[in-house]
N, C-alpha and C. Protein backbone atom coordinates (compact mmCIF):
# COMPACT_ATOMS: atom_id res chain seq x y z
N MET A 1 16.21 -22.94 113.12
CA MET A 1 17.66 -22.36 112.82
C MET A 1 18.13 -22.73 112.28
N GLN A 2 17.78 -24.02 111.17
CA GLN A 2 18.53 -24.33 110.07
C GLN A 2 18.18 -23.26 108.58
N LYS A 3 17.09 -22.63 108.69
CA LYS A 3 17.04 -21.66 107.54
C LYS A 3 18.19 -20.50 107.97
N ARG A 4 18.53 -20.73 109.43
CA ARG A 4 18.94 -19.09 109.85
C ARG A 4 20.79 -19.42 109.63
N GLY A 5 21.24 -20.89 109.34
CA GLY A 5 22.34 -21.21 109.21
C GLY A 5 22.95 -21.77 110.16
N LEU A 6 22.08 -22.14 111.76
CA LEU A 6 22.38 -23.20 113.10
C LEU A 6 22.28 -24.13 112.64
N GLN A 7 23.29 -25.15 112.73
CA GLN A 7 22.69 -26.48 113.60
C GLN A 7 22.76 -26.81 114.75
N VAL A 8 21.63 -27.26 115.26
CA VAL A 8 21.22 -27.38 116.74
C VAL A 8 20.86 -28.72 116.92
N ASN A 9 20.84 -29.15 117.94
CA ASN A 9 20.34 -30.12 118.45
C ASN A 9 19.10 -29.74 119.76
N ILE A 10 18.32 -30.98 119.70
CA ILE A 10 17.22 -30.50 120.71
C ILE A 10 16.98 -31.23 121.53
N ILE A 11 17.13 -30.81 122.69
CA ILE A 11 16.54 -31.91 123.53
C ILE A 11 15.07 -31.49 124.34
N GLN A 12 13.92 -32.30 124.60
CA GLN A 12 12.95 -32.27 124.92
C GLN A 12 12.70 -32.69 126.50
N CYS A 13 12.17 -32.25 127.15
CA CYS A 13 12.28 -33.15 128.51
C CYS A 13 11.43 -32.30 129.32
N ARG A 14 10.75 -32.89 130.40
CA ARG A 14 9.74 -32.29 131.45
C ARG A 14 10.88 -30.99 132.13
N ILE A 15 10.09 -29.98 132.78
CA ILE A 15 10.71 -28.81 133.46
C ILE A 15 11.76 -29.22 134.48
N GLN A 16 10.84 -30.93 135.24
CA GLN A 16 12.50 -31.00 136.67
C GLN A 16 13.29 -31.81 136.08
N GLU A 17 13.49 -31.97 135.02
CA GLU A 17 14.40 -32.63 134.23
C GLU A 17 15.52 -32.03 133.56
N VAL A 18 15.27 -30.58 133.50
CA VAL A 18 16.27 -29.54 133.02
C VAL A 18 17.63 -29.34 133.70
N PRO A 19 17.83 -29.82 134.71
CA PRO A 19 19.15 -29.54 135.40
C PRO A 19 19.87 -30.54 134.91
N ARG A 20 19.08 -31.75 134.52
CA ARG A 20 19.92 -32.89 134.41
C ARG A 20 21.13 -32.35 133.29
N TYR A 21 20.21 -31.62 132.14
CA TYR A 21 21.33 -31.42 130.68
C TYR A 21 21.48 -30.00 130.93
N ILE A 22 21.49 -28.90 132.00
CA ILE A 22 21.91 -27.45 132.01
C ILE A 22 23.41 -27.26 131.79
N ASP A 23 24.21 -28.39 131.46
CA ASP A 23 25.68 -28.20 131.47
C ASP A 23 25.60 -28.61 130.03
N SER A 24 24.71 -29.14 128.85
CA SER A 24 24.68 -29.10 127.56
C SER A 24 24.35 -28.60 126.98
N VAL A 25 23.62 -27.49 127.12
CA VAL A 25 22.69 -26.57 126.69
C VAL A 25 23.14 -24.77 126.61
N SER A 26 22.41 -24.55 125.50
CA SER A 26 23.09 -22.78 124.99
C SER A 26 21.67 -22.25 125.52
N VAL A 27 20.46 -22.80 125.43
CA VAL A 27 19.38 -21.46 125.68
C VAL A 27 18.19 -22.96 126.43
N ILE A 28 17.05 -22.15 127.15
CA ILE A 28 16.08 -23.32 127.44
C ILE A 28 14.95 -22.28 126.94
N VAL A 29 14.42 -23.41 126.31
CA VAL A 29 12.59 -22.61 125.77
C VAL A 29 11.83 -23.21 126.58
N ALA A 30 11.22 -22.76 127.58
CA ALA A 30 10.21 -24.15 128.24
C ALA A 30 8.82 -22.85 127.84
N THR A 31 7.86 -23.72 128.16
CA THR A 31 6.30 -23.76 128.16
C THR A 31 5.86 -23.53 129.78
N SER A 32 6.57 -23.70 130.34
CA SER A 32 6.08 -23.57 132.17
C SER A 32 6.99 -22.68 132.58
N GLN A 33 6.86 -22.67 133.89
CA GLN A 33 7.99 -21.33 134.89
C GLN A 33 8.72 -22.34 134.71
N VAL A 34 9.89 -22.01 134.81
CA VAL A 34 11.64 -22.33 135.61
C VAL A 34 11.41 -22.02 136.91
N PRO A 35 11.42 -23.56 137.92
CA PRO A 35 11.75 -22.77 139.12
C PRO A 35 12.93 -22.65 139.77
N PHE A 36 13.73 -22.47 139.07
CA PHE A 36 15.07 -22.32 139.80
C PHE A 36 15.81 -21.36 138.81
N SER A 37 16.64 -20.71 139.66
CA SER A 37 17.87 -19.46 138.24
C SER A 37 18.87 -20.38 137.81
N THR A 38 19.64 -19.86 136.64
CA THR A 38 20.51 -20.39 135.92
C THR A 38 21.22 -19.44 134.92
N SER A 39 22.11 -19.34 134.95
CA SER A 39 22.78 -18.27 133.93
C SER A 39 22.50 -18.88 132.42
N ILE A 40 22.06 -19.59 132.15
CA ILE A 40 21.36 -20.13 130.73
C ILE A 40 20.61 -19.14 130.36
N PRO A 41 20.34 -18.46 129.53
CA PRO A 41 18.84 -17.81 128.98
C PRO A 41 17.71 -18.65 128.69
N VAL A 42 16.83 -18.41 129.45
CA VAL A 42 15.23 -18.91 129.23
C VAL A 42 14.07 -18.13 129.01
N ILE A 43 13.84 -18.64 127.73
CA ILE A 43 12.58 -18.11 126.66
C ILE A 43 11.61 -18.70 127.07
N ASN A 44 10.61 -17.89 126.65
CA ASN A 44 9.28 -18.23 126.85
C ASN A 44 8.77 -19.33 125.53
N GLY A 45 8.50 -20.22 125.66
CA GLY A 45 8.04 -20.94 124.34
C GLY A 45 6.70 -21.39 123.75
N VAL A 46 5.66 -21.06 124.43
CA VAL A 46 4.66 -20.60 123.88
C VAL A 46 4.10 -20.27 123.21
N PRO A 47 4.22 -19.00 122.99
CA PRO A 47 4.19 -18.79 121.36
C PRO A 47 4.32 -19.54 119.87
N ILE A 48 5.49 -20.86 120.51
CA ILE A 48 5.72 -21.46 119.37
C ILE A 48 4.64 -22.05 119.44
N LEU A 49 4.14 -22.87 120.48
CA LEU A 49 2.68 -23.41 120.80
C LEU A 49 1.66 -22.74 120.09
N THR A 50 1.46 -21.61 120.44
CA THR A 50 0.58 -21.22 120.06
C THR A 50 0.20 -20.74 118.37
N GLY A 51 1.64 -20.07 118.23
CA GLY A 51 1.13 -19.27 116.99
C GLY A 51 1.63 -17.83 116.78
N ILE A 52 0.92 -17.13 118.12
CA ILE A 52 0.76 -15.56 118.39
C ILE A 52 2.31 -15.57 119.15
N GLY A 53 2.79 -14.57 118.18
CA GLY A 53 3.87 -13.84 118.28
C GLY A 53 5.40 -15.12 118.43
N ALA A 54 5.40 -16.14 117.47
CA ALA A 54 6.08 -17.08 117.35
C ALA A 54 7.30 -16.67 116.59
N GLU A 55 7.52 -15.82 116.00
CA GLU A 55 8.52 -15.48 114.75
C GLU A 55 9.49 -14.72 115.99
N GLU A 56 9.05 -13.81 116.95
CA GLU A 56 9.65 -13.31 117.86
C GLU A 56 10.33 -14.04 118.69
N VAL A 57 9.87 -15.03 118.90
CA VAL A 57 10.58 -16.19 119.84
C VAL A 57 11.86 -16.77 119.45
N ILE A 58 11.24 -16.96 118.23
CA ILE A 58 12.61 -17.79 117.25
C ILE A 58 13.15 -16.86 117.17
N GLU A 59 13.60 -15.46 117.03
CA GLU A 59 14.35 -14.59 117.01
C GLU A 59 15.25 -14.19 118.21
N LYS A 60 14.37 -14.50 119.30
CA LYS A 60 15.15 -14.54 120.94
C LYS A 60 15.95 -15.67 120.72
N ILE A 61 15.27 -16.79 120.65
CA ILE A 61 16.35 -17.85 120.53
C ILE A 61 17.69 -17.91 119.49
N TYR A 62 17.55 -17.50 118.16
CA TYR A 62 18.39 -17.30 117.35
C TYR A 62 19.24 -16.63 117.97
N LYS A 63 19.27 -15.16 118.89
CA LYS A 63 20.13 -14.01 119.64
C LYS A 63 20.81 -14.43 120.62
N ALA A 64 20.25 -15.17 121.39
CA ALA A 64 20.91 -16.07 122.21
C ALA A 64 22.04 -17.19 122.28
N LEU A 65 21.61 -17.74 120.89
CA LEU A 65 22.70 -19.24 120.20
C LEU A 65 23.54 -18.23 119.75
N LYS A 66 23.39 -16.94 118.82
CA LYS A 66 24.47 -16.55 118.31
C LYS A 66 25.26 -15.83 119.33
N SER A 67 25.24 -15.35 120.37
CA SER A 67 25.70 -14.78 121.76
C SER A 67 26.59 -15.59 122.58
């Protein structure tokens, strides 16, 4: 995101720990299913791990952070 002019802080945690951080994040990038509903955008992060479709996911994250 720095290449796109955005300063971001990244929190890495297990999916069951996400509710602990929910009030301090703008987007959730998950590599597993999020088992609860939230008003915060949830983006599938698996393509970042595999490299297949990673650029599209990065664009989705960027758009979510800009909105």
